[in-house]
C-alpha atoms as a PDB file:
ATOM      1  CA  MET A   1      66.656  52.238  20.884  1.00  0.00           C
ATOM      2  CA  ASN A   2      69.463  52.620  22.822  1.00  0.00           C
ATOM      3  CA  LYS A   3      73.143  51.264  22.140  1.00  0.00           C
ATOM      4  CA  LYS A   4      73.063  48.044  23.831  1.00  0.00           C
ATOM      5  CA  THR A   5      69.376  46.889  22.700  1.00  0.00           C
ATOM      6  CA  THR A   6      70.193  47.790  18.909  1.00  0.00           C
ATOM      7  CA  LYS A   7      73.836  45.878  19.513  1.00  0.00           C
ATOM      8  CA  TYR A   8      72.305  42.685  21.408  1.00  0.00           C
ATOM      9  CA  GLN A   9      69.037  42.052  19.276  1.00  0.00           C
ATOM     10  CA  VAL A  10      67.460  38.698  20.576  1.00  0.00           C
ATOM     11  CA  GLN A  11      65.955  36.760  17.618  1.00  0.00           C
ATOM     12  CA  LEU A  12      64.832  33.493  19.199  1.00  0.00           C
ATOM     13  CA  THR A  13      64.477  30.286  16.550  1.00  0.00           C
ATOM     14  CA  ALA A  14      61.301  28.527  16.546  1.00  0.00           C
ATOM     15  CA  ALA A  15      62.380  26.117  18.842  1.00  0.00           C
ATOM     16  CA  GLU A  16      64.202  28.340  21.016  1.00  0.00           C
ATOM     17  CA  GLU A  17      60.970  30.137  21.714  1.00  0.00           C
ATOM     18  CA  ALA A  18      58.712  26.951  22.248  1.00  0.00           C
ATOM     19  CA  THR A  19      61.789  25.631  24.887  1.00  0.00           C
ATOM     20  CA  LEU A  20      61.185  29.149  26.440  1.00  0.00           C
ATOM     21  CA  LEU A  21      57.340  28.898  26.675  1.00  0.00           C
ATOM     22  CA  ASN A  22      57.436  25.541  27.470  1.00  0.00           C
ATOM     23  CA  LEU A  23      59.660  26.192  30.388  1.00  0.00           C
ATOM     24  CA  ILE A  24      57.445  29.001  32.123  1.00  0.00           C
ATOM     25  CA  SER A  25      54.571  27.070  31.815  1.00  0.00           C
ATOM     26  CA  GLN A  26      55.638  23.752  33.283  1.00  0.00           C
ATOM     27  CA  GLY A  27      55.390  23.680  37.078  1.00  0.00           C
ATOM     28  CA  GLN A  28      58.098  26.087  39.256  1.00  0.00           C
ATOM     29  CA  PRO A  29      61.407  26.685  37.418  1.00  0.00           C
ATOM     30  CA  ALA A  30      63.851  28.310  39.515  1.00  0.00           C
ATOM     31  CA  ALA A  31      62.596  32.195  39.497  1.00  0.00           C
ATOM     32  CA  ARG A  32      65.947  33.478  38.170  1.00  0.00           C
ATOM     33  CA  LYS A  33      65.692  30.980  35.078  1.00  0.00           C
ATOM     34  CA  ASN A  34      62.179  31.607  34.899  1.00  0.00           C
ATOM     35  CA  THR A  35      62.835  35.404  34.811  1.00  0.00           C
ATOM     36  CA  ARG A  36      65.556  35.297  32.223  1.00  0.00           C
ATOM     37  CA  ALA A  37      63.384  33.257  29.918  1.00  0.00           C
ATOM     38  CA  ARG A  38      60.564  35.791  30.184  1.00  0.00           C
ATOM     39  CA  ILE A  39      63.122  38.605  29.207  1.00  0.00           C
ATOM     40  CA  LEU A  40      64.342  36.530  26.382  1.00  0.00           C
ATOM     41  CA  LEU A  41      60.612  36.326  25.156  1.00  0.00           C
ATOM     42  CA  LYS A  42      59.839  40.136  25.632  1.00  0.00           C
ATOM     43  CA  ALA A  43      62.910  40.728  24.007  1.00  0.00           C
ATOM     44  CA  ASN A  44      61.947  38.760  20.972  1.00  0.00           C
ATOM     45  CA  GLU A  45      58.884  40.768  20.579  1.00  0.00           C
ATOM     46  CA  GLY A  46      60.710  43.724  20.328  1.00  0.00           C
ATOM     47  CA  PHE A  47      60.395  45.612  23.976  1.00  0.00           C
ATOM     48  CA  LYS A  48      63.391  48.034  24.840  1.00  0.00           C
ATOM     49  CA  ASP A  49      65.000  47.022  27.978  1.00  0.00           C
ATOM     50  CA  GLU A  50      63.094  49.586  30.119  1.00  0.00           C
ATOM     51  CA  GLN A  51      59.805  48.080  29.135  1.00  0.00           C
ATOM     52  CA  ILE A  52      60.836  44.661  29.920  1.00  0.00           C
ATOM     53  CA  ALA A  53      62.378  45.568  33.197  1.00  0.00           C
ATOM     54  CA  GLN A  54      59.169  47.783  34.324  1.00  0.00           C
ATOM     55  CA  ALA A  55      57.144  44.623  33.391  1.00  0.00           C
ATOM     56  CA  LEU A  56      59.070  41.583  35.194  1.00  0.00           C
ATOM     57  CA  ASN A  57      60.067  43.950  37.945  1.00  0.00           C
ATOM     58  CA  VAL A  58      64.128  43.467  37.687  1.00  0.00           C
ATOM     59  CA  SER A  59      66.645  45.922  36.877  1.00  0.00           C
ATOM     60  CA  THR A  60      67.601  47.330  33.160  1.00  0.00           C
ATOM     61  CA  ALA A  61      70.975  45.791  33.892  1.00  0.00           C
ATOM     62  CA  THR A  62      69.432  42.374  34.471  1.00  0.00           C
ATOM     63  CA  VAL A  63      67.878  42.554  31.102  1.00  0.00           C
ATOM     64  CA  SER A  64      70.886  43.970  29.487  1.00  0.00           C
ATOM     65  CA  ARG A  65      73.026  41.517  30.657  1.00  0.00           C
ATOM     66  CA  THR A  66      70.687  38.532  29.885  1.00  0.00           C
ATOM     67  CA  ARG A  67      70.106  39.980  26.115  1.00  0.00           C
ATOM     68  CA  HIS A  68      73.932  40.028  25.924  1.00  0.00           C
ATOM     69  CA  LYS A  69      74.549  36.939  27.431  1.00  0.00           C
ATOM     70  CA  TYR A  70      72.288  35.302  24.643  1.00  0.00           C
ATOM     71  CA  VAL A  71      73.731  36.825  21.731  1.00  0.00           C
ATOM     72  CA  GLU A  72      77.114  36.013  22.831  1.00  0.00           C
ATOM     73  CA  THR A  73      76.695  32.420  24.581  1.00  0.00           C
ATOM     74  CA  GLY A  74      73.335  31.111  23.589  1.00  0.00           C
ATOM     75  CA  LEU A  75      70.002  30.158  25.120  1.00  0.00           C
ATOM     76  CA  GLU A  76      71.508  27.806  27.773  1.00  0.00           C
ATOM     77  CA  ALA A  77      74.128  29.886  29.063  1.00  0.00           C
ATOM     78  CA  ALA A  78      71.221  32.795  29.060  1.00  0.00           C
ATOM     79  CA  ILE A  79      68.779  30.903  31.085  1.00  0.00           C
ATOM     80  CA  ASN A  80      71.051  28.704  33.521  1.00  0.00           C
ATOM     81  CA  HIS A  81      72.853  30.111  36.433  1.00  0.00           C
ATOM     82  CA  LYS A  82      76.448  29.331  36.251  1.00  0.00           C
ATOM     83  CA  PRO A  83      78.583  29.881  39.252  1.00  0.00           C
ATOM     84  CA  PRO A  84      81.366  32.235  39.509  1.00  0.00           C
ATOM     85  CA  ALA A  85      84.675  30.826  38.716  1.00  0.00           C
ATOM     86  CA  ALA A  86      86.552  30.098  41.704  1.00  0.00           C
ATOM     87  CA  THR A  87      88.525  32.280  43.237  1.00  0.00           C
ATOM     88  CA  LYS A  88      92.440  32.417  43.170  1.00  0.00           C
ATOM     89  CA  PRO A  89      93.923  29.713  45.148  1.00  0.00           C
ATOM     90  CA  THR A  90      94.924  29.922  48.416  1.00  0.00           C
ATOM     91  CA  LYS A  91      98.628  30.965  49.211  1.00  0.00           C
ATOM     92  CA  PHE A  92      99.101  28.161  51.859  1.00  0.00           C
ATOM     93  CA  ASP A  93      98.378  24.393  51.901  1.00  0.00           C
ATOM     94  CA  GLY A  94      97.331  22.614  55.039  1.00  0.00           C
ATOM     95  CA  PRO A  95     100.709  22.147  56.833  1.00  0.00           C
ATOM     96  CA  GLN A  96     101.671  25.735  55.974  1.00  0.00           C
ATOM     97  CA  GLN A  97      98.615  26.863  57.613  1.00  0.00           C
ATOM     98  CA  ALA A  98      99.321  24.857  60.894  1.00  0.00           C
ATOM     99  CA  PHE A  99     102.818  26.172  60.878  1.00  0.00           C
ATOM    100  CA  ILE A 100     101.465  29.678  60.906  1.00  0.00           C
ATOM    101  CA  ILE A 101      99.292  28.948  63.387  1.00  0.00           C
ATOM    102  CA  ALA A 102     101.538  27.130  65.425  1.00  0.00           C
ATOM    103  CA  THR A 103     104.033  29.970  65.339  1.00  0.00           C
ATOM    104  CA  ALA A 104     101.537  32.555  66.441  1.00  0.00           C
ATOM    105  CA  CYS A 105     101.038  30.055  69.524  1.00  0.00           C
ATOM    106  CA  SER A 106     104.699  29.957  69.823  1.00  0.00           C
ATOM    107  CA  ALA A 107     106.986  32.109  72.058  1.00  0.00           C
ATOM    108  CA  VAL A 108     107.445  35.766  70.857  1.00  0.00           C
ATOM    109  CA  PRO A 109     110.869  36.746  69.378  1.00  0.00           C
ATOM    110  CA  ASP A 110     113.111  38.450  72.100  1.00  0.00           C
ATOM    111  CA  GLY A 111     112.341  42.240  72.648  1.00  0.00           C
ATOM    112  CA  LYS A 112     108.358  41.818  71.639  1.00  0.00           C
ATOM    113  CA  HIS A 113     105.429  41.346  73.654  1.00  0.00           C
ATOM    114  CA  HIS A 114     103.236  39.222  71.278  1.00  0.00           C
ATOM    115  CA  TRP A 115     103.158  38.133  67.584  1.00  0.00           C
ATOM    116  CA  THR A 116     101.742  40.530  65.116  1.00  0.00           C
ATOM    117  CA  LEU A 117     100.340  39.838  61.584  1.00  0.00           C
ATOM    118  CA  ARG A 118     102.938  41.668  59.922  1.00  0.00           C
ATOM    119  CA  MET A 119     105.863  39.724  62.059  1.00  0.00           C
ATOM    120  CA  LEU A 120     103.991  36.299  61.032  1.00  0.00           C
ATOM    121  CA  ALA A 121     103.843  37.593  57.475  1.00  0.00           C
ATOM    122  CA  ALA A 122     107.468  38.790  57.241  1.00  0.00           C
ATOM    123  CA  LYS A 123     108.699  35.264  58.908  1.00  0.00           C
ATOM    124  CA  THR A 124     106.612  32.841  56.081  1.00  0.00           C
ATOM    125  CA  VAL A 125     108.745  35.175  53.637  1.00  0.00           C
ATOM    126  CA  GLU A 126     111.877  34.455  55.644  1.00  0.00           C
ATOM    127  CA  LEU A 127     111.674  31.161  55.796  1.00  0.00           C
ATOM    128  CA  GLU A 128     110.780  31.029  51.927  1.00  0.00           C
ATOM    129  CA  MET A 129     107.377  29.670  52.207  1.00  0.00           C
ATOM    130  CA  VAL A 130     105.940  32.488  49.539  1.00  0.00           C
ATOM    131  CA  GLU A 131     107.610  35.294  47.946  1.00  0.00           C
ATOM    132  CA  SER A 132     105.272  37.896  49.539  1.00  0.00           C
ATOM    133  CA  VAL A 133     102.099  37.932  51.547  1.00  0.00           C
ATOM    134  CA  SER A 134      99.932  40.410  53.272  1.00  0.00           C
ATOM    135  CA  PRO A 135      98.993  40.217  57.193  1.00  0.00           C
ATOM    136  CA  GLU A 136      95.496  40.099  55.513  1.00  0.00           C
ATOM    137  CA  THR A 137      96.179  36.770  54.254  1.00  0.00           C
ATOM    138  CA  ILE A 138      97.802  35.833  57.774  1.00  0.00           C
ATOM    139  CA  ARG A 139      94.655  37.248  59.572  1.00  0.00           C
ATOM    140  CA  HIS A 140      92.091  35.251  57.611  1.00  0.00           C
ATOM    141  CA  ILE A 141      94.318  31.653  58.260  1.00  0.00           C
ATOM    142  CA  LEU A 142      94.251  32.570  62.077  1.00  0.00           C
ATOM    143  CA  LYS A 143      90.855  33.818  62.380  1.00  0.00           C
ATOM    144  CA  LYS A 144      89.445  30.659  60.361  1.00  0.00           C
ATOM    145  CA  THR A 145      90.999  28.687  63.096  1.00  0.00           C
ATOM    146  CA  ASN A 146      90.201  30.994  66.336  1.00  0.00           C
ATOM    147  CA  SER A 147      94.037  31.259  66.558  1.00  0.00           C
ATOM    148  CA  ASN A 148      94.518  34.574  66.173  1.00  0.00           C
ATOM    149  CA  PRO A 149      97.534  36.958  68.047  1.00  0.00           C
ATOM    150  CA  GLY A 150      95.457  37.903  71.370  1.00  0.00           C
ATOM    151  CA  ALA A 151      93.919  34.842  72.431  1.00  0.00           C
ATOM    152  CA  LYS A 152      95.168  33.928  75.841  1.00  0.00           C
ATOM    153  CA  ARG A 153      95.358  30.216  75.157  1.00  0.00           C
ATOM    154  CA  CYS A 154      97.938  30.812  72.310  1.00  0.00           C
ATOM    155  CA  GLY A 155     100.454  32.275  75.353  1.00  0.00           C
ATOM    156  CA  VAL A 156      99.758  35.982  74.261  1.00  0.00           C
ATOM    157  CA  PHE A 157      97.809  38.411  75.780  1.00  0.00           C
ATOM    158  CA  PRO A 158      94.950  40.981  74.866  1.00  0.00           C
ATOM    159  CA  GLN A 159      95.773  44.526  74.582  1.00  0.00           C
ATOM    160  CA  SER A 160      94.125  45.383  78.141  1.00  0.00           C
ATOM    161  CA  GLU A 161      96.209  42.269  79.658  1.00  0.00           C
ATOM    162  CA  ARG A 162      99.701  42.933  78.655  1.00  0.00           C
ATOM    163  CA  PRO A 163     102.387  42.986  81.078  1.00  0.00           C
ATOM    164  CA  SER A 164     104.034  46.173  81.463  1.00  0.00           C
END
């Protein structure tokens, strides 16, 4: 047995086993849920991760994760898919995003031909909207609204049409 198999031994209670058998025998449960139930049943019978993976046509990582999830958090968490936690909150709220878009569409500073993402990022820091921001964050805001620098409707020109 490999290290992971011995560390995360699946020992289903009679009630858990009955629940899993009932789940896979009734109708059409979600494929992922069905597979996880089968993984736990096979693991309970003493099969190794490699054997379970081959029998169910899944990766050994899937078997290992399911086994680990069962031991650490229980049956429900192991068979039910939980969506990943929300990503970190956006740096700018709606009005701030609107300001960035309006700035990108406004007249450019003296001596410049167009707004760059770096210039827009620096402007938000200068106005103390945020402590720091990456040009990539600004790009996402502008891309989301189709108001990226370079679009004619924003008063700036694409590279090929810039005045000399």
